[in-house]
Amino acid sequence: MKKLFIAFSIMLASASVAQAQSGIGVRVGANLSNLEGDLKNENRYENKFGFHGGLTYNIGVVGNFFSIQPELLYSNKGFQNSDEEFEILGQKYKREGNVNYNYLELPVLARIKAGPLYFEGGPQASYLLSVNNKTKEYLNGEERSSTTTQIDKDGMKQFELGYVAGVGFATNSGLSVGVRYNGSFNDFVDDAPADYFDGDLVNAKHSTIMLTLGYTFGR
């Protein structure tokens, strides 16, 4: 009887794995990013909106309950500089800008599905593609100029190791919507020039909240 029970359990587990569905998908969404860490002047850095998008591949392991999902995403992170306002000879000037760090990211997530809800988490490897600084200047409330300056990324770490944790809602048709937190284990500045934000970013890490919409084909 014991052997029969073990054999039946193995057959049931094998059937569950066989019924597990796998499929490729797409993911897009919005990022709300900033910095965390030992910053000298935290008020200088404000939240910045960005975006992400890319491909997913959900690998079913145990029915629809447990799966592994690697993803390949383009993600725009960074921060917004605090606005600068001043007045000269009765003319009001304002300068605003943000710094964009563009990454190619590879999260590998474990997913648990409980009815329509899902919970996910796992490690993430990131590669820095480019950095730019966007600045807008205003005169008496009207935009006067807008510039985008590419920043040399040699003084920044090309690779970053982080983590992802999130929760969401998924339908049987393959559509899902969720929210994630994306953090980093290491700072992103390696040996940047001392005048790069006055050396304040040496111990800074990316911190990003992601509102994400996904669709898995073939569900």
C-alpha atoms as a PDB file:
ATOM      1  CA  MET A   1       0.000   0.000   0.000  1.00  0.00           C
ATOM      2  CA  LYS A   2       2.844   2.390   0.849  1.00  0.00           C
ATOM      3  CA  LYS A   3       4.544   1.701  -2.487  1.00  0.00           C
ATOM      4  CA  LEU A   4       1.253   2.217  -4.278  1.00  0.00           C
ATOM      5  CA  PHE A   5       0.771   5.573  -2.525  1.00  0.00           C
ATOM      6  CA  ILE A   6       4.294   6.696  -3.466  1.00  0.00           C
ATOM      7  CA  ALA A   7       3.761   5.633  -7.074  1.00  0.00           C
ATOM      8  CA  PHE A   8       0.448   7.478  -7.211  1.00  0.00           C
ATOM      9  CA  SER A   9       2.045  10.624  -5.746  1.00  0.00           C
ATOM     10  CA  ILE A  10       4.802  10.537  -8.368  1.00  0.00           C
ATOM     11  CA  MET A  11       2.224  10.116 -11.117  1.00  0.00           C
ATOM     12  CA  LEU A  12       0.186  13.045  -9.766  1.00  0.00           C
ATOM     13  CA  ALA A  13       3.232  15.310  -9.560  1.00  0.00           C
ATOM     14  CA  SER A  14       4.247  14.308 -13.096  1.00  0.00           C
ATOM     15  CA  ALA A  15       0.778  15.110 -14.358  1.00  0.00           C
ATOM     16  CA  SER A  16       0.865  18.504 -12.687  1.00  0.00           C
ATOM     17  CA  VAL A  17       4.153  19.326 -14.360  1.00  0.00           C
ATOM     18  CA  ALA A  18       2.871  18.105 -17.708  1.00  0.00           C
ATOM     19  CA  GLN A  19      -0.178  20.366 -17.452  1.00  0.00           C
ATOM     20  CA  ALA A  20       1.921  23.390 -16.517  1.00  0.00           C
ATOM     21  CA  GLN A  21       1.755  25.987 -19.259  1.00  0.00           C
ATOM     22  CA  SER A  22       4.688  27.917 -20.629  1.00  0.00           C
ATOM     23  CA  GLY A  23       4.613  30.870 -22.957  1.00  0.00           C
ATOM     24  CA  ILE A  24       6.362  33.944 -24.251  1.00  0.00           C
ATOM     25  CA  GLY A  25       4.958  37.368 -23.454  1.00  0.00           C
ATOM     26  CA  VAL A  26       5.467  41.108 -23.450  1.00  0.00           C
ATOM     27  CA  ARG A  27       5.663  43.612 -20.596  1.00  0.00           C
ATOM     28  CA  VAL A  28       5.438  47.419 -20.484  1.00  0.00           C
ATOM     29  CA  GLY A  29       4.910  49.954 -17.733  1.00  0.00           C
ATOM     30  CA  ALA A  30       5.943  53.003 -15.757  1.00  0.00           C
ATOM     31  CA  ASN A  31       8.860  53.477 -13.345  1.00  0.00           C
ATOM     32  CA  LEU A  32       9.012  55.775 -10.333  1.00  0.00           C
ATOM     33  CA  SER A  33      12.697  55.933  -9.440  1.00  0.00           C
ATOM     34  CA  ASN A  34      15.080  57.725  -7.114  1.00  0.00           C
ATOM     35  CA  LEU A  35      18.235  57.054  -5.125  1.00  0.00           C
ATOM     36  CA  GLU A  36      18.846  55.492  -1.743  1.00  0.00           C
ATOM     37  CA  GLY A  37      21.976  55.118   0.345  1.00  0.00           C
ATOM     38  CA  ASP A  38      24.413  57.337   2.198  1.00  0.00           C
ATOM     39  CA  LEU A  39      23.676  60.626   0.390  1.00  0.00           C
ATOM     40  CA  LYS A  40      25.047  63.912   1.663  1.00  0.00           C
ATOM     41  CA  ASN A  41      22.205  66.027   0.282  1.00  0.00           C
ATOM     42  CA  GLU A  42      19.045  63.935  -0.068  1.00  0.00           C
ATOM     43  CA  ASN A  43      16.889  66.994  -0.836  1.00  0.00           C
ATOM     44  CA  ARG A  44      18.776  67.437  -4.092  1.00  0.00           C
ATOM     45  CA  TYR A  45      17.342  64.222  -5.552  1.00  0.00           C
ATOM     46  CA  GLU A  46      13.628  63.876  -6.281  1.00  0.00           C
ATOM     47  CA  ASN A  47      11.453  61.118  -7.736  1.00  0.00           C
ATOM     48  CA  LYS A  48      11.510  60.728 -11.512  1.00  0.00           C
ATOM     49  CA  PHE A  49       9.070  59.003 -13.831  1.00  0.00           C
ATOM     50  CA  GLY A  50      10.448  56.612 -16.428  1.00  0.00           C
ATOM     51  CA  PHE A  51       9.351  53.501 -18.289  1.00  0.00           C
ATOM     52  CA  HIS A  52      10.196  49.877 -18.970  1.00  0.00           C
ATOM     53  CA  GLY A  53       9.368  47.344 -21.656  1.00  0.00           C
ATOM     54  CA  GLY A  54      10.497  44.004 -23.000  1.00  0.00           C
ATOM     55  CA  LEU A  55       9.917  40.272 -23.303  1.00  0.00           C
ATOM     56  CA  THR A  56       8.992  37.588 -20.774  1.00  0.00           C
ATOM     57  CA  TYR A  57       9.000  33.801 -20.799  1.00  0.00           C
ATOM     58  CA  ASN A  58       6.879  32.020 -18.241  1.00  0.00           C
ATOM     59  CA  ILE A  59       7.966  28.440 -17.544  1.00  0.00           C
ATOM     60  CA  GLY A  60       5.292  26.376 -15.826  1.00  0.00           C
ATOM     61  CA  VAL A  61       6.566  24.089 -13.075  1.00  0.00           C
ATOM     62  CA  VAL A  62       3.532  22.958 -11.054  1.00  0.00           C
ATOM     63  CA  GLY A  63       0.295  23.536 -12.923  1.00  0.00           C
ATOM     64  CA  ASN A  64      -0.743  27.179 -12.760  1.00  0.00           C
ATOM     65  CA  PHE A  65       0.407  27.411  -9.147  1.00  0.00           C
ATOM     66  CA  PHE A  66       4.191  27.789  -9.492  1.00  0.00           C
ATOM     67  CA  SER A  67       6.338  28.996 -12.389  1.00  0.00           C
ATOM     68  CA  ILE A  68       9.695  30.551 -13.203  1.00  0.00           C
ATOM     69  CA  GLN A  69       9.695  33.692 -15.335  1.00  0.00           C
ATOM     70  CA  PRO A  70      12.891  35.163 -16.794  1.00  0.00           C
ATOM     71  CA  GLU A  71      12.484  38.568 -18.463  1.00  0.00           C
ATOM     72  CA  LEU A  72      14.572  40.842 -20.654  1.00  0.00           C
ATOM     73  CA  LEU A  73      13.641  44.494 -20.121  1.00  0.00           C
ATOM     74  CA  TYR A  74      14.789  47.943 -21.139  1.00  0.00           C
ATOM     75  CA  SER A  75      14.379  50.164 -18.082  1.00  0.00           C
ATOM     76  CA  ASN A  76      14.764  53.918 -17.636  1.00  0.00           C
ATOM     77  CA  LYS A  77      15.757  54.883 -14.069  1.00  0.00           C
ATOM     78  CA  GLY A  78      17.373  57.842 -12.352  1.00  0.00           C
ATOM     79  CA  PHE A  79      16.288  60.933 -10.487  1.00  0.00           C
ATOM     80  CA  GLN A  80      15.101  64.477 -10.944  1.00  0.00           C
ATOM     81  CA  ASN A  81      17.188  67.403  -9.788  1.00  0.00           C
ATOM     82  CA  SER A  82      15.496  69.801  -7.415  1.00  0.00           C
ATOM     83  CA  ASP A  83      14.370  72.897  -9.340  1.00  0.00           C
ATOM     84  CA  GLU A  84      16.520  76.017  -9.296  1.00  0.00           C
ATOM     85  CA  GLU A  85      14.700  79.369  -9.296  1.00  0.00           C
ATOM     86  CA  PHE A  86      16.254  82.830  -9.205  1.00  0.00           C
ATOM     87  CA  GLU A  87      15.499  86.409 -10.291  1.00  0.00           C
ATOM     88  CA  ILE A  88      17.780  88.847 -12.157  1.00  0.00           C
ATOM     89  CA  LEU A  89      16.730  92.422 -12.958  1.00  0.00           C
ATOM     90  CA  GLY A  90      13.083  91.551 -12.507  1.00  0.00           C
ATOM     91  CA  GLN A  91      13.316  88.488 -14.783  1.00  0.00           C
ATOM     92  CA  LYS A  92      12.360  85.150 -13.239  1.00  0.00           C
ATOM     93  CA  TYR A  93      14.524  82.179 -14.240  1.00  0.00           C
ATOM     94  CA  LYS A  94      13.865  78.515 -13.534  1.00  0.00           C
ATOM     95  CA  ARG A  95      15.934  75.441 -14.323  1.00  0.00           C
ATOM     96  CA  GLU A  96      14.744  71.867 -14.012  1.00  0.00           C
ATOM     97  CA  GLY A  97      16.302  68.629 -15.117  1.00  0.00           C
ATOM     98  CA  ASN A  98      16.624  64.903 -14.612  1.00  0.00           C
ATOM     99  CA  VAL A  99      19.358  62.311 -14.968  1.00  0.00           C
ATOM    100  CA  ASN A 100      18.460  59.132 -16.856  1.00  0.00           C
ATOM    101  CA  TYR A 101      20.248  55.798 -16.408  1.00  0.00           C
ATOM    102  CA  ASN A 102      19.154  53.367 -19.120  1.00  0.00           C
ATOM    103  CA  TYR A 103      19.573  49.681 -18.334  1.00  0.00           C
ATOM    104  CA  LEU A 104      19.109  46.302 -19.959  1.00  0.00           C
ATOM    105  CA  GLU A 105      17.767  44.113 -17.139  1.00  0.00           C
ATOM    106  CA  LEU A 106      17.413  40.357 -16.696  1.00  0.00           C
ATOM    107  CA  PRO A 107      15.215  39.414 -13.705  1.00  0.00           C
ATOM    108  CA  VAL A 108      14.584  35.733 -13.014  1.00  0.00           C
ATOM    109  CA  LEU A 109      11.420  35.524 -10.954  1.00  0.00           C
ATOM    110  CA  ALA A 110       9.720  32.756  -9.033  1.00  0.00           C
ATOM    111  CA  ARG A 111       5.945  33.148  -9.316  1.00  0.00           C
ATOM    112  CA  ILE A 112       3.229  31.752  -7.068  1.00  0.00           C
ATOM    113  CA  LYS A 113      -0.356  32.112  -8.235  1.00  0.00           C
ATOM    114  CA  ALA A 114      -3.238  32.049  -5.731  1.00  0.00           C
ATOM    115  CA  GLY A 115      -6.433  32.388  -7.710  1.00  0.00           C
ATOM    116  CA  PRO A 116      -6.282  35.646  -9.664  1.00  0.00           C
ATOM    117  CA  LEU A 117      -3.454  36.963  -7.471  1.00  0.00           C
ATOM    118  CA  TYR A 118       0.219  36.251  -8.018  1.00  0.00           C
ATOM    119  CA  PHE A 119       3.324  36.882  -5.944  1.00  0.00           C
ATOM    120  CA  GLU A 120       6.784  37.097  -7.492  1.00  0.00           C
ATOM    121  CA  GLY A 121      10.370  37.627  -6.473  1.00  0.00           C
ATOM    122  CA  GLY A 122      13.929  36.885  -7.463  1.00  0.00           C
ATOM    123  CA  PRO A 123      17.373  38.179  -8.431  1.00  0.00           C
ATOM    124  CA  GLN A 124      18.123  40.606 -11.238  1.00  0.00           C
ATOM    125  CA  ALA A 125      21.227  41.393 -13.292  1.00  0.00           C
ATOM    126  CA  SER A 126      21.459  44.801 -15.003  1.00  0.00           C
ATOM    127  CA  TYR A 127      23.759  46.276 -17.642  1.00  0.00           C
ATOM    128  CA  LEU A 128      24.129  50.052 -17.999  1.00  0.00           C
ATOM    129  CA  LEU A 129      23.541  51.103 -21.620  1.00  0.00           C
ATOM    130  CA  SER A 130      23.734  54.893 -21.416  1.00  0.00           C
ATOM    131  CA  VAL A 131      23.393  57.966 -19.200  1.00  0.00           C
ATOM    132  CA  ASN A 132      22.019  61.371 -20.124  1.00  0.00           C
ATOM    133  CA  ASN A 133      21.065  64.614 -18.456  1.00  0.00           C
ATOM    134  CA  LYS A 134      17.960  66.469 -19.662  1.00  0.00           C
ATOM    135  CA  THR A 135      17.663  70.139 -18.711  1.00  0.00           C
ATOM    136  CA  LYS A 136      14.930  72.710 -19.340  1.00  0.00           C
ATOM    137  CA  GLU A 137      15.211  76.429 -18.694  1.00  0.00           C
ATOM    138  CA  TYR A 138      12.296  78.839 -18.286  1.00  0.00           C
ATOM    139  CA  LEU A 139      12.067  82.621 -18.441  1.00  0.00           C
ATOM    140  CA  ASN A 140       9.053  84.201 -16.759  1.00  0.00           C
ATOM    141  CA  GLY A 141       7.203  80.888 -16.899  1.00  0.00           C
ATOM    142  CA  GLU A 142       7.885  80.163 -20.593  1.00  0.00           C
ATOM    143  CA  GLU A 143      10.247  77.446 -21.762  1.00  0.00           C
ATOM    144  CA  ARG A 144      13.358  79.007 -23.291  1.00  0.00           C
ATOM    145  CA  SER A 145      15.552  75.980 -24.002  1.00  0.00           C
ATOM    146  CA  SER A 146      15.691  72.195 -23.677  1.00  0.00           C
ATOM    147  CA  THR A 147      18.920  70.217 -23.939  1.00  0.00           C
ATOM    148  CA  THR A 148      19.973  66.578 -23.609  1.00  0.00           C
ATOM    149  CA  THR A 149      23.602  65.887 -22.714  1.00  0.00           C
ATOM    150  CA  GLN A 150      25.152  62.427 -22.937  1.00  0.00           C
ATOM    151  CA  ILE A 151      27.280  61.555 -19.896  1.00  0.00           C
ATOM    152  CA  ASP A 152      30.324  59.307 -20.059  1.00  0.00           C
ATOM    153  CA  LYS A 153      29.515  56.061 -18.239  1.00  0.00           C
ATOM    154  CA  ASP A 154      33.148  54.963 -17.793  1.00  0.00           C
ATOM    155  CA  GLY A 155      33.137  56.066 -14.153  1.00  0.00           C
ATOM    156  CA  MET A 156      30.033  54.022 -13.388  1.00  0.00           C
ATOM    157  CA  LYS A 157      29.591  50.323 -12.819  1.00  0.00           C
ATOM    158  CA  GLN A 158      28.549  48.589 -16.008  1.00  0.00           C
ATOM    159  CA  PHE A 159      26.941  45.636 -14.230  1.00  0.00           C
ATOM    160  CA  GLU A 160      24.614  45.733 -11.258  1.00  0.00           C
ATOM    161  CA  LEU A 161      23.109  42.960  -9.137  1.00  0.00           C
ATOM    162  CA  GLY A 162      19.725  43.543  -7.560  1.00  0.00           C
ATOM    163  CA  TYR A 163      16.397  42.014  -6.647  1.00  0.00           C
ATOM    164  CA  VAL A 164      12.713  42.241  -7.546  1.00  0.00           C
ATOM    165  CA  ALA A 165       9.602  41.618  -5.440  1.00  0.00           C
ATOM    166  CA  GLY A 166       6.029  42.193  -6.461  1.00  0.00           C
ATOM    167  CA  VAL A 167       2.347  41.318  -6.417  1.00  0.00           C
ATOM    168  CA  GLY A 168      -0.296  41.483  -9.092  1.00  0.00           C
ATOM    169  CA  PHE A 169      -3.502  40.299 -10.686  1.00  0.00           C
ATOM    170  CA  ALA A 170      -3.580  37.858 -13.631  1.00  0.00           C
ATOM    171  CA  THR A 171      -6.446  36.625 -15.772  1.00  0.00           C
ATOM    172  CA  ASN A 172      -6.758  33.219 -17.420  1.00  0.00           C
ATOM    173  CA  SER A 173      -6.440  34.919 -20.811  1.00  0.00           C
ATOM    174  CA  GLY A 174      -2.786  35.828 -20.099  1.00  0.00           C
ATOM    175  CA  LEU A 175      -3.260  39.497 -19.177  1.00  0.00           C
ATOM    176  CA  SER A 176      -1.669  40.694 -15.929  1.00  0.00           C
ATOM    177  CA  VAL A 177      -1.169  43.943 -14.046  1.00  0.00           C
ATOM    178  CA  GLY A 178       1.066  44.365 -11.027  1.00  0.00           C
ATOM    179  CA  VAL A 179       3.361  46.479  -8.936  1.00  0.00           C
ATOM    180  CA  ARG A 180       7.015  45.694  -8.209  1.00  0.00           C
ATOM    181  CA  TYR A 181       9.868  47.024  -6.150  1.00  0.00           C
ATOM    182  CA  ASN A 182      13.257  46.908  -7.821  1.00  0.00           C
ATOM    183  CA  GLY A 183      16.299  47.371  -5.581  1.00  0.00           C
ATOM    184  CA  SER A 184      20.063  47.035  -5.889  1.00  0.00           C
ATOM    185  CA  PHE A 185      22.705  45.283  -3.809  1.00  0.00           C
ATOM    186  CA  ASN A 186      25.531  47.527  -4.995  1.00  0.00           C
ATOM    187  CA  ASP A 187      26.030  51.238  -5.680  1.00  0.00           C
ATOM    188  CA  PHE A 188      26.197  52.284  -9.328  1.00  0.00           C
ATOM    189  CA  VAL A 189      29.115  54.748  -9.265  1.00  0.00           C
ATOM    190  CA  ASP A 190      32.562  53.179  -9.492  1.00  0.00           C
ATOM    191  CA  ASP A 191      35.143  55.894 -10.039  1.00  0.00           C
ATOM    192  CA  ALA A 192      33.274  58.934 -11.378  1.00  0.00           C
ATOM    193  CA  PRO A 193      34.957  62.365 -11.433  1.00  0.00           C
ATOM    194  CA  ALA A 194      34.881  64.238  -8.135  1.00  0.00           C
ATOM    195  CA  ASP A 195      32.774  66.990  -9.697  1.00  0.00           C
ATOM    196  CA  TYR A 196      30.044  64.505 -10.693  1.00  0.00           C
ATOM    197  CA  PHE A 197      27.371  65.658  -8.233  1.00  0.00           C
ATOM    198  CA  ASP A 198      30.201  66.645  -5.890  1.00  0.00           C
ATOM    199  CA  GLY A 199      31.045  62.999  -5.271  1.00  0.00           C
ATOM    200  CA  ASP A 200      27.699  62.492  -3.545  1.00  0.00           C
ATOM    201  CA  LEU A 201      26.723  59.390  -5.532  1.00  0.00           C
ATOM    202  CA  VAL A 202      29.587  57.117  -4.473  1.00  0.00           C
ATOM    203  CA  ASN A 203      27.317  55.239  -2.046  1.00  0.00           C
ATOM    204  CA  ALA A 204      24.061  55.652  -3.972  1.00  0.00           C
ATOM    205  CA  LYS A 205      21.833  52.798  -5.163  1.00  0.00           C
ATOM    206  CA  HIS A 206      18.907  52.768  -7.558  1.00  0.00           C
ATOM    207  CA  SER A 207      15.457  52.353  -6.031  1.00  0.00           C
ATOM    208  CA  THR A 208      12.491  51.849  -8.360  1.00  0.00           C
ATOM    209  CA  ILE A 209       8.764  51.164  -8.046  1.00  0.00           C
ATOM    210  CA  MET A 210       7.308  49.655 -11.222  1.00  0.00           C
ATOM    211  CA  LEU A 211       3.685  49.624 -12.343  1.00  0.00           C
ATOM    212  CA  THR A 212       3.678  46.933 -14.990  1.00  0.00           C
ATOM    213  CA  LEU A 213       1.275  45.469 -17.540  1.00  0.00           C
ATOM    214  CA  GLY A 214       1.983  42.076 -19.094  1.00  0.00           C
ATOM    215  CA  TYR A 215       0.505  39.654 -21.589  1.00  0.00           C
ATOM    216  CA  THR A 216       1.471  36.009 -22.089  1.00  0.00           C
ATOM    217  CA  PHE A 217       0.570  34.519 -25.460  1.00  0.00           C
ATOM    218  CA  GLY A 218      -1.081  31.152 -25.856  1.00  0.00           C
ATOM    219  CA  ARG A 219      -3.018  31.164 -22.588  1.00  0.00           C
END
